[in-house]
Amino acid sequence: MIKLLVKCKEVDRKKINKLGFTAMDVLQRETLANNRTSVKILKSNPHRFSKFSNFDEILTDYFREMKPETINALLVVFSLVLSMTYQAILSPPGGFAEDGAASSNYKDSREGKSVMSSTNFFLFYISNGVAFFILFVIMMSLFDVVARNIMFCLWPLYLLMCISYGLASSTIGI
């Protein structure tokens, strides 16, 4: 019963009864030995209902209410946009400074870096990165609805993609 109460969104865990006790207070005052398990369950989920986790749950609940066809269409569109943001960091607008652009007297320290001005590249980098990670969160919420059974396989793949995105962006950075 305690596990159900912890997972239920409508239950206010901070609610105080007429005697001034919360659910945790009542459980701690109980003398039965099996209540130790209940207290452990409640303590294992202290405020896991923060704003960020609520956002993820709200997003997932929103997707659960959609038709499967709509979810499939969104997955295709978001996959394409996620691919575009990933590719954009690998080949930024304007391209890269090349080896031939350097003077014969010295090596250009900008070789392999973006030819965009520092300000423009920074704006491009930030907006592209924000789009990438927002799409990442949305895609994981969608996958949580349609592919919950294989999420353990998807997380490592997405984590590796995020790492390679960060490495690529730092390599070609300013």
N, C-alpha and C. Protein backbone atom coordinates (compact mmCIF):
# COMPACT_ATOMS: atom_id res chain seq x y z
N MET A 1 0.82 -1.19 0.00
CA MET A 1 0.00 0.00 0.00
C MET A 1 0.87 1.26 0.00
N ILE A 2 1.97 1.23 0.76
CA ILE A 2 2.85 2.40 0.84
C ILE A 2 3.48 2.67 -0.52
N LYS A 3 3.88 1.61 -1.23
CA LYS A 3 4.47 1.80 -2.56
C LYS A 3 3.49 2.50 -3.50
N LEU A 4 2.22 2.13 -3.43
CA LEU A 4 1.21 2.77 -4.26
C LEU A 4 1.05 4.24 -3.90
N LEU A 5 1.07 4.55 -2.60
CA LEU A 5 0.94 5.93 -2.17
C LEU A 5 2.13 6.78 -2.62
N VAL A 6 3.31 6.19 -2.59
CA VAL A 6 4.51 6.93 -3.00
C VAL A 6 4.45 7.24 -4.49
N LYS A 7 3.96 6.30 -5.29
CA LYS A 7 3.91 6.51 -6.74
C LYS A 7 2.73 7.34 -7.19
N CYS A 8 1.70 7.45 -6.36
CA CYS A 8 0.49 8.19 -6.74
C CYS A 8 0.77 9.69 -6.73
N LYS A 9 0.49 10.36 -7.86
CA LYS A 9 0.78 11.79 -7.99
C LYS A 9 -0.18 12.66 -7.19
N GLU A 10 -1.39 12.17 -6.99
CA GLU A 10 -2.40 13.00 -6.34
C GLU A 10 -2.23 13.09 -4.83
N VAL A 11 -1.41 12.22 -4.24
CA VAL A 11 -1.24 12.20 -2.79
C VAL A 11 -0.25 13.27 -2.37
N ASP A 12 -0.66 14.08 -1.42
CA ASP A 12 0.21 15.13 -0.87
C ASP A 12 0.95 14.55 0.33
N ARG A 13 2.24 14.26 0.16
CA ARG A 13 3.02 13.63 1.22
C ARG A 13 3.32 14.56 2.39
N LYS A 14 3.10 15.84 2.19
CA LYS A 14 3.37 16.81 3.25
C LYS A 14 2.10 17.18 4.01
N LYS A 15 0.97 16.56 3.66
CA LYS A 15 -0.31 16.85 4.30
C LYS A 15 -0.25 16.46 5.77
N ILE A 16 -0.80 17.31 6.60
CA ILE A 16 -0.79 17.09 8.05
C ILE A 16 -2.21 16.75 8.50
N ASN A 17 -2.32 15.70 9.34
CA ASN A 17 -3.64 15.31 9.83
C ASN A 17 -4.07 16.21 11.00
N LYS A 18 -5.22 15.91 11.61
CA LYS A 18 -5.77 16.74 12.69
C LYS A 18 -4.85 16.80 13.90
N LEU A 19 -4.06 15.76 14.09
CA LEU A 19 -3.15 15.73 15.24
C LEU A 19 -1.80 16.39 14.93
N GLY A 20 -1.63 16.83 13.69
CA GLY A 20 -0.40 17.52 13.31
C GLY A 20 0.70 16.60 12.80
N PHE A 21 0.34 15.39 12.36
CA PHE A 21 1.32 14.43 11.89
C PHE A 21 1.21 14.22 10.38
N THR A 22 2.37 14.01 9.73
CA THR A 22 2.38 13.60 8.33
C THR A 22 2.31 12.08 8.29
N ALA A 23 2.20 11.52 7.08
CA ALA A 23 2.16 10.06 6.94
C ALA A 23 3.44 9.44 7.50
N MET A 24 4.57 10.10 7.28
CA MET A 24 5.85 9.60 7.80
C MET A 24 5.86 9.61 9.32
N ASP A 25 5.31 10.66 9.93
CA ASP A 25 5.25 10.74 11.40
C ASP A 25 4.42 9.60 11.97
N VAL A 26 3.28 9.33 11.34
CA VAL A 26 2.40 8.26 11.82
C VAL A 26 3.10 6.92 11.72
N LEU A 27 3.78 6.67 10.61
CA LEU A 27 4.49 5.40 10.45
C LEU A 27 5.62 5.25 11.47
N GLN A 28 6.30 6.34 11.76
CA GLN A 28 7.41 6.26 12.71
C GLN A 28 6.92 6.02 14.12
N ARG A 29 5.71 6.44 14.42
CA ARG A 29 5.15 6.25 15.76
C ARG A 29 4.57 4.86 15.95
N GLU A 30 4.34 4.15 14.87
CA GLU A 30 3.81 2.79 14.97
C GLU A 30 4.87 1.89 15.60
N THR A 31 4.43 0.90 16.35
CA THR A 31 5.38 0.03 17.04
C THR A 31 5.56 -1.32 16.36
N LEU A 32 4.77 -1.59 15.35
CA LEU A 32 4.90 -2.89 14.68
C LEU A 32 6.19 -2.96 13.87
N ALA A 33 6.80 -4.12 13.87
CA ALA A 33 8.08 -4.30 13.19
C ALA A 33 7.97 -4.14 11.67
N ASN A 34 6.83 -4.51 11.11
CA ASN A 34 6.73 -4.43 9.65
C ASN A 34 6.63 -3.00 9.15
N ASN A 35 6.43 -2.05 10.05
CA ASN A 35 6.38 -0.66 9.63
C ASN A 35 7.76 -0.11 9.30
N ARG A 36 8.80 -0.80 9.75
CA ARG A 36 10.16 -0.37 9.39
C ARG A 36 10.33 -0.41 7.87
N THR A 37 9.74 -1.42 7.26
CA THR A 37 9.78 -1.52 5.80
C THR A 37 9.07 -0.34 5.16
N SER A 38 7.93 0.02 5.71
CA SER A 38 7.17 1.16 5.18
C SER A 38 7.95 2.45 5.30
N VAL A 39 8.59 2.65 6.44
CA VAL A 39 9.40 3.86 6.65
C VAL A 39 10.57 3.87 5.66
N LYS A 40 11.18 2.70 5.44
CA LYS A 40 12.29 2.61 4.49
C LYS A 40 11.84 2.97 3.07
N ILE A 41 10.64 2.54 2.70
CA ILE A 41 10.11 2.86 1.37
C ILE A 41 9.91 4.36 1.24
N LEU A 42 9.32 4.97 2.25
CA LEU A 42 9.08 6.42 2.19
C LEU A 42 10.38 7.20 2.17
N LYS A 43 11.37 6.74 2.93
CA LYS A 43 12.66 7.45 2.96
C LYS A 43 13.44 7.25 1.67
N SER A 44 13.22 6.14 0.98
CA SER A 44 13.96 5.88 -0.25
C SER A 44 13.51 6.79 -1.39
N ASN A 45 12.36 7.42 -1.24
CA ASN A 45 11.85 8.32 -2.28
C ASN A 45 11.66 9.72 -1.74
N PRO A 46 12.66 10.31 -1.07
CA PRO A 46 12.43 11.63 -0.50
C PRO A 46 12.37 12.68 -1.59
N HIS A 47 11.24 13.22 -1.75
CA HIS A 47 11.01 14.33 -2.68
C HIS A 47 11.56 14.03 -4.07
N ARG A 48 11.35 12.81 -4.52
CA ARG A 48 11.71 12.51 -5.90
C ARG A 48 10.76 13.20 -6.83
N PHE A 49 9.85 13.92 -6.23
CA PHE A 49 8.83 14.62 -6.98
C PHE A 49 9.22 16.08 -7.16
N SER A 50 10.49 16.29 -7.44
CA SER A 50 10.96 17.65 -7.68
C SER A 50 10.40 18.16 -9.00
N LYS A 51 10.61 19.43 -9.30
CA LYS A 51 10.04 20.02 -10.51
C LYS A 51 10.54 19.34 -11.77
N PHE A 52 11.82 18.95 -11.79
CA PHE A 52 12.36 18.34 -13.00
C PHE A 52 11.74 16.98 -13.25
N SER A 53 11.66 16.14 -12.19
CA SER A 53 11.07 14.82 -12.39
C SER A 53 9.58 14.94 -12.69
N ASN A 54 8.92 15.95 -12.13
CA ASN A 54 7.52 16.18 -12.47
C ASN A 54 7.38 16.55 -13.94
N PHE A 55 8.31 17.35 -14.46
CA PHE A 55 8.27 17.73 -15.87
C PHE A 55 8.34 16.50 -16.75
N ASP A 56 9.26 15.60 -16.43
CA ASP A 56 9.41 14.37 -17.21
C ASP A 56 8.14 13.52 -17.12
N GLU A 57 7.56 13.41 -15.92
CA GLU A 57 6.34 12.63 -15.75
C GLU A 57 5.17 13.27 -16.49
N ILE A 58 5.07 14.59 -16.43
CA ILE A 58 3.99 15.29 -17.13
C ILE A 58 4.12 15.08 -18.63
N LEU A 59 5.35 15.19 -19.13
CA LEU A 59 5.60 15.00 -20.56
C LEU A 59 5.25 13.57 -20.98
N THR A 60 5.67 12.59 -20.18
CA THR A 60 5.37 11.20 -20.49
C THR A 60 3.87 10.94 -20.45
N ASP A 61 3.19 11.48 -19.44
CA ASP A 61 1.73 11.32 -19.36
C ASP A 61 1.04 11.95 -20.56
N TYR A 62 1.55 13.10 -20.98
CA TYR A 62 0.98 13.78 -22.15
C TYR A 62 1.11 12.89 -23.39
N PHE A 63 2.27 12.25 -23.56
CA PHE A 63 2.48 11.38 -24.71
C PHE A 63 1.64 10.12 -24.63
N ARG A 64 1.37 9.62 -23.43
CA ARG A 64 0.54 8.42 -23.28
C ARG A 64 -0.88 8.64 -23.78
N GLU A 65 -1.34 9.88 -23.72
CA GLU A 65 -2.70 10.19 -24.16
C GLU A 65 -2.80 10.31 -25.68
N MET A 66 -1.68 10.36 -26.37
CA MET A 66 -1.69 10.50 -27.83
C MET A 66 -1.97 9.17 -28.52
N LYS A 67 -2.43 9.28 -29.76
CA LYS A 67 -2.64 8.09 -30.58
C LYS A 67 -1.27 7.55 -31.00
N PRO A 68 -1.16 6.23 -31.16
CA PRO A 68 0.12 5.65 -31.59
C PRO A 68 0.64 6.22 -32.91
N GLU A 69 -0.27 6.53 -33.84
CA GLU A 69 0.15 7.09 -35.13
C GLU A 69 0.81 8.45 -34.94
N THR A 70 0.26 9.24 -34.03
CA THR A 70 0.83 10.56 -33.75
C THR A 70 2.21 10.42 -33.12
N ILE A 71 2.33 9.48 -32.19
CA ILE A 71 3.63 9.25 -31.54
C ILE A 71 4.66 8.81 -32.57
N ASN A 72 4.27 7.91 -33.47
CA ASN A 72 5.20 7.45 -34.51
C ASN A 72 5.64 8.60 -35.41
N ALA A 73 4.70 9.46 -35.79
CA ALA A 73 5.05 10.62 -36.62
C ALA A 73 6.00 11.55 -35.87
N LEU A 74 5.72 11.78 -34.59
CA LEU A 74 6.61 12.64 -33.79
C LEU A 74 8.00 12.03 -33.68
N LEU A 75 8.09 10.72 -33.50
CA LEU A 75 9.39 10.07 -33.42
C LEU A 75 10.20 10.28 -34.70
N VAL A 76 9.54 10.18 -35.83
CA VAL A 76 10.23 10.39 -37.11
C VAL A 76 10.72 11.83 -37.22
N VAL A 77 9.83 12.78 -36.94
CA VAL A 77 10.19 14.20 -37.06
C VAL A 77 11.29 14.56 -36.07
N PHE A 78 11.14 14.15 -34.81
CA PHE A 78 12.15 14.49 -33.81
C PHE A 78 13.48 13.80 -34.10
N SER A 79 13.44 12.59 -34.65
CA SER A 79 14.69 11.91 -35.03
C SER A 79 15.42 12.69 -36.12
N LEU A 80 14.67 13.19 -37.09
CA LEU A 80 15.29 13.98 -38.16
C LEU A 80 15.88 15.28 -37.62
N VAL A 81 15.15 15.96 -36.75
CA VAL A 81 15.66 17.22 -36.20
C VAL A 81 16.86 16.95 -35.29
N LEU A 82 16.81 15.87 -34.51
CA LEU A 82 17.94 15.50 -33.67
C LEU A 82 19.17 15.20 -34.53
N SER A 83 18.97 14.50 -35.64
CA SER A 83 20.07 14.22 -36.57
C SER A 83 20.63 15.51 -37.17
N MET A 84 19.74 16.45 -37.48
CA MET A 84 20.20 17.73 -38.04
C MET A 84 21.04 18.50 -37.03
N THR A 85 20.62 18.54 -35.78
CA THR A 85 21.40 19.28 -34.78
C THR A 85 22.75 18.60 -34.56
N TYR A 86 22.76 17.27 -34.58
CA TYR A 86 24.01 16.54 -34.41
C TYR A 86 24.95 16.81 -35.59
N GLN A 87 24.40 16.74 -36.79
CA GLN A 87 25.22 16.98 -37.99
C GLN A 87 25.69 18.42 -38.06
N ALA A 88 24.87 19.35 -37.60
CA ALA A 88 25.24 20.77 -37.67
C ALA A 88 26.48 21.07 -36.83
N ILE A 89 26.66 20.37 -35.74
CA ILE A 89 27.85 20.63 -34.92
C ILE A 89 29.08 20.02 -35.58
N LEU A 90 28.89 18.96 -36.40
CA LEU A 90 30.02 18.35 -37.10
C LEU A 90 30.46 19.16 -38.31
N SER A 91 29.54 19.88 -38.91
CA SER A 91 29.89 20.75 -40.04
C SER A 91 29.14 22.07 -39.89
N PRO A 92 29.70 22.97 -39.09
CA PRO A 92 29.02 24.24 -38.82
C PRO A 92 28.94 25.12 -40.07
N PRO A 93 28.02 26.08 -40.08
CA PRO A 93 27.90 26.99 -41.22
C PRO A 93 29.24 27.68 -41.51
N GLY A 94 29.62 27.71 -42.76
CA GLY A 94 30.88 28.33 -43.15
C GLY A 94 32.03 27.36 -43.23
N GLY A 95 31.89 26.20 -42.61
CA GLY A 95 32.93 25.19 -42.66
C GLY A 95 34.07 25.43 -41.67
N PHE A 96 35.26 24.92 -42.04
CA PHE A 96 36.42 24.97 -41.17
C PHE A 96 37.58 25.68 -41.85
N ALA A 97 38.49 26.22 -41.04
CA ALA A 97 39.73 26.78 -41.57
C ALA A 97 40.59 25.61 -42.06
N GLU A 98 41.13 25.75 -43.28
CA GLU A 98 41.89 24.66 -43.87
C GLU A 98 43.39 24.90 -43.75
N ASP A 99 44.15 23.85 -44.03
CA ASP A 99 45.60 23.89 -43.94
C ASP A 99 46.20 24.90 -44.91
N GLY A 100 45.66 25.01 -46.10
CA GLY A 100 46.19 25.91 -47.11
C GLY A 100 45.96 27.37 -46.79
N ALA A 101 45.09 27.67 -45.85
CA ALA A 101 44.79 29.06 -45.50
C ALA A 101 45.91 29.67 -44.65
N ALA A 102 46.77 28.84 -44.11
CA ALA A 102 47.84 29.34 -43.24
C ALA A 102 48.99 29.88 -44.08
N SER A 103 49.67 30.87 -43.55
CA SER A 103 50.84 31.43 -44.23
C SER A 103 51.96 30.40 -44.21
N SER A 104 52.87 30.50 -45.15
CA SER A 104 53.97 29.54 -45.21
C SER A 104 54.96 29.75 -44.07
N ASN A 105 54.96 30.93 -43.43
CA ASN A 105 55.91 31.22 -42.36
C ASN A 105 55.49 30.65 -41.01
N TYR A 106 54.20 30.46 -40.78
CA TYR A 106 53.76 29.97 -39.48
C TYR A 106 52.51 29.10 -39.64
N LYS A 107 52.28 28.27 -38.65
CA LYS A 107 51.09 27.42 -38.66
C LYS A 107 49.93 28.21 -38.08
N ASP A 108 48.80 28.18 -38.75
CA ASP A 108 47.60 28.86 -38.27
C ASP A 108 46.98 28.05 -37.13
N SER A 109 46.79 28.69 -36.00
CA SER A 109 46.21 27.99 -34.85
C SER A 109 44.73 27.73 -35.04
N ARG A 110 44.12 28.26 -36.10
CA ARG A 110 42.69 28.09 -36.35
C ARG A 110 42.41 26.90 -37.27
N GLU A 111 43.43 26.21 -37.74
CA GLU A 111 43.20 25.07 -38.63
C GLU A 111 42.28 24.06 -37.96
N GLY A 112 41.26 23.64 -38.70
CA GLY A 112 40.31 22.66 -38.18
C GLY A 112 39.23 23.26 -37.30
N LYS A 113 39.30 24.57 -37.08
CA LYS A 113 38.29 25.26 -36.27
C LYS A 113 37.27 25.91 -37.19
N SER A 114 36.14 26.26 -36.63
CA SER A 114 35.09 26.92 -37.41
C SER A 114 35.56 28.28 -37.89
N VAL A 115 35.18 28.64 -39.13
CA VAL A 115 35.57 29.95 -39.67
C VAL A 115 34.63 31.06 -39.22
N MET A 116 33.56 30.71 -38.54
CA MET A 116 32.62 31.72 -38.04
C MET A 116 33.32 32.58 -37.00
N SER A 117 32.84 33.79 -36.83
CA SER A 117 33.39 34.63 -35.76
C SER A 117 33.06 33.99 -34.42
N SER A 118 33.83 34.32 -33.41
CA SER A 118 33.63 33.72 -32.09
C SER A 118 32.22 33.94 -31.57
N THR A 119 31.70 35.15 -31.74
CA THR A 119 30.35 35.47 -31.25
C THR A 119 29.30 34.65 -31.99
N ASN A 120 29.40 34.61 -33.31
CA ASN A 120 28.43 33.84 -34.10
C ASN A 120 28.51 32.35 -33.79
N PHE A 121 29.73 31.84 -33.65
CA PHE A 121 29.86 30.42 -33.34
C PHE A 121 29.29 30.12 -31.96
N PHE A 122 29.53 31.01 -31.00
CA PHE A 122 29.00 30.82 -29.66
C PHE A 122 27.47 30.79 -29.69
N LEU A 123 26.84 31.71 -30.41
CA LEU A 123 25.38 31.73 -30.52
C LEU A 123 24.87 30.47 -31.22
N PHE A 124 25.55 30.06 -32.28
CA PHE A 124 25.19 28.83 -32.99
C PHE A 124 25.33 27.63 -32.06
N TYR A 125 26.44 27.57 -31.35
CA TYR A 125 26.73 26.45 -30.46
C TYR A 125 25.68 26.34 -29.35
N ILE A 126 25.33 27.46 -28.73
CA ILE A 126 24.35 27.45 -27.63
C ILE A 126 22.97 27.05 -28.15
N SER A 127 22.50 27.69 -29.22
CA SER A 127 21.16 27.37 -29.72
C SER A 127 21.08 25.94 -30.24
N ASN A 128 22.11 25.47 -30.90
CA ASN A 128 22.14 24.10 -31.39
C ASN A 128 22.18 23.11 -30.22
N GLY A 129 22.97 23.41 -29.21
CA GLY A 129 23.06 22.53 -28.04
C GLY A 129 21.75 22.46 -27.26
N VAL A 130 21.10 23.60 -27.09
CA VAL A 130 19.81 23.62 -26.39
C VAL A 130 18.78 22.80 -27.17
N ALA A 131 18.74 22.99 -28.48
CA ALA A 131 17.81 22.21 -29.32
C ALA A 131 18.11 20.72 -29.21
N PHE A 132 19.38 20.36 -29.22
CA PHE A 132 19.78 18.96 -29.14
C PHE A 132 19.30 18.33 -27.84
N PHE A 133 19.53 19.00 -26.72
CA PHE A 133 19.18 18.40 -25.43
C PHE A 133 17.68 18.45 -25.15
N ILE A 134 16.96 19.45 -25.65
CA ILE A 134 15.50 19.45 -25.51
C ILE A 134 14.92 18.28 -26.31
N LEU A 135 15.41 18.11 -27.53
CA LEU A 135 14.95 16.98 -28.34
C LEU A 135 15.32 15.65 -27.68
N PHE A 136 16.47 15.60 -27.06
CA PHE A 136 16.89 14.39 -26.36
C PHE A 136 15.88 14.03 -25.27
N VAL A 137 15.48 15.00 -24.45
CA VAL A 137 14.52 14.75 -23.37
C VAL A 137 13.16 14.32 -23.94
N ILE A 138 12.72 15.01 -24.98
CA ILE A 138 11.43 14.66 -25.59
C ILE A 138 11.47 13.26 -26.18
N MET A 139 12.56 12.93 -26.87
CA MET A 139 12.68 11.59 -27.47
C MET A 139 12.68 10.51 -26.40
N MET A 140 13.39 10.73 -25.30
CA MET A 140 13.42 9.73 -24.24
C MET A 140 12.04 9.58 -23.61
N SER A 141 11.28 10.66 -23.49
CA SER A 141 9.92 10.56 -22.97
C SER A 141 9.02 9.79 -23.93
N LEU A 142 9.18 10.04 -25.21
CA LEU A 142 8.42 9.28 -26.21
C LEU A 142 8.78 7.80 -26.17
N PHE A 143 10.07 7.51 -26.08
CA PHE A 143 10.50 6.12 -26.02
C PHE A 143 10.01 5.45 -24.74
N ASP A 144 9.90 6.22 -23.66
CA ASP A 144 9.39 5.67 -22.41
C ASP A 144 7.95 5.20 -22.58
N VAL A 145 7.22 5.83 -23.48
CA VAL A 145 5.82 5.45 -23.74
C VAL A 145 5.75 4.25 -24.68
N VAL A 146 6.49 4.29 -25.79
CA VAL A 146 6.34 3.26 -26.82
C VAL A 146 7.34 2.11 -26.71
N ALA A 147 8.43 2.30 -26.00
CA ALA A 147 9.46 1.26 -25.96
C ALA A 147 10.04 1.09 -24.56
N ARG A 148 9.18 1.07 -23.58
CA ARG A 148 9.62 0.97 -22.18
C ARG A 148 10.50 -0.27 -21.95
N ASN A 149 10.19 -1.35 -22.64
CA ASN A 149 10.92 -2.61 -22.43
C ASN A 149 12.36 -2.56 -22.90
N ILE A 150 12.69 -1.66 -23.81
CA ILE A 150 14.07 -1.61 -24.32
C ILE A 150 14.79 -0.32 -23.91
N MET A 151 14.25 0.40 -22.94
CA MET A 151 14.89 1.63 -22.49
C MET A 151 16.31 1.39 -21.98
N PHE A 152 16.54 0.24 -21.36
CA PHE A 152 17.87 -0.06 -20.85
C PHE A 152 18.90 -0.13 -21.97
N CYS A 153 18.46 -0.43 -23.19
CA CYS A 153 19.36 -0.44 -24.35
C CYS A 153 19.53 0.95 -24.94
N LEU A 154 18.48 1.76 -24.85
CA LEU A 154 18.52 3.09 -25.47
C LEU A 154 19.34 4.09 -24.68
N TRP A 155 19.29 4.02 -23.35
CA TRP A 155 20.01 5.00 -22.53
C TRP A 155 21.50 5.01 -22.82
N PRO A 156 22.18 3.85 -22.85
CA PRO A 156 23.62 3.90 -23.16
C PRO A 156 23.91 4.47 -24.54
N LEU A 157 23.06 4.15 -25.52
CA LEU A 157 23.28 4.67 -26.87
C LEU A 157 23.13 6.19 -26.90
N TYR A 158 22.10 6.70 -26.26
CA TYR A 158 21.92 8.14 -26.22
C TYR A 158 23.02 8.82 -25.41
N LEU A 159 23.48 8.17 -24.36
CA LEU A 159 24.57 8.73 -23.57
C LEU A 159 25.84 8.83 -24.41
N LEU A 160 26.15 7.79 -25.16
CA LEU A 160 27.32 7.83 -26.05
C LEU A 160 27.17 8.91 -27.11
N MET A 161 25.96 9.08 -27.64
CA MET A 161 25.73 10.12 -28.63
C MET A 161 25.96 11.50 -28.02
N CYS A 162 25.50 11.70 -26.79
CA CYS A 162 25.71 13.00 -26.12
C CYS A 162 27.19 13.25 -25.87
N ILE A 163 27.92 12.22 -25.48
CA ILE A 163 29.36 12.37 -25.25
C ILE A 163 30.06 12.74 -26.56
N SER A 164 29.73 12.04 -27.64
CA SER A 164 30.37 12.35 -28.92
C SER A 164 29.97 13.73 -29.42
N TYR A 165 28.75 14.17 -29.13
CA TYR A 165 28.31 15.52 -29.48
C TYR A 165 29.17 16.55 -28.74
N GLY A 166 29.37 16.33 -27.46
CA GLY A 166 30.20 17.25 -26.67
C GLY A 166 31.64 17.27 -27.14
N LEU A 167 32.20 16.10 -27.44
CA LEU A 167 33.58 16.04 -27.93
C LEU A 167 33.73 16.72 -29.28
N ALA A 168 32.77 16.49 -30.17
CA ALA A 168 32.83 17.12 -31.50
C ALA A 168 32.73 18.64 -31.38
N SER A 169 31.84 19.10 -30.53
CA SER A 169 31.68 20.56 -30.40
C SER A 169 32.89 21.20 -29.74
N SER A 170 33.54 20.49 -28.83
CA SER A 170 34.73 21.08 -28.21
C SER A 170 35.93 21.05 -29.16
N THR A 171 35.98 20.08 -30.04
CA THR A 171 37.08 19.97 -30.99
C THR A 171 37.06 21.08 -32.03
N ILE A 172 35.88 21.40 -32.54
CA ILE A 172 35.80 22.42 -33.58
C ILE A 172 35.48 23.78 -33.02
N GLY A 173 35.45 23.89 -31.72
CA GLY A 173 35.06 25.15 -31.06
C GLY A 173 35.96 26.31 -31.38
N ILE A 174 35.68 27.37 -30.69
CA ILE A 174 36.33 28.66 -30.92
C ILE A 174 37.82 28.57 -30.68
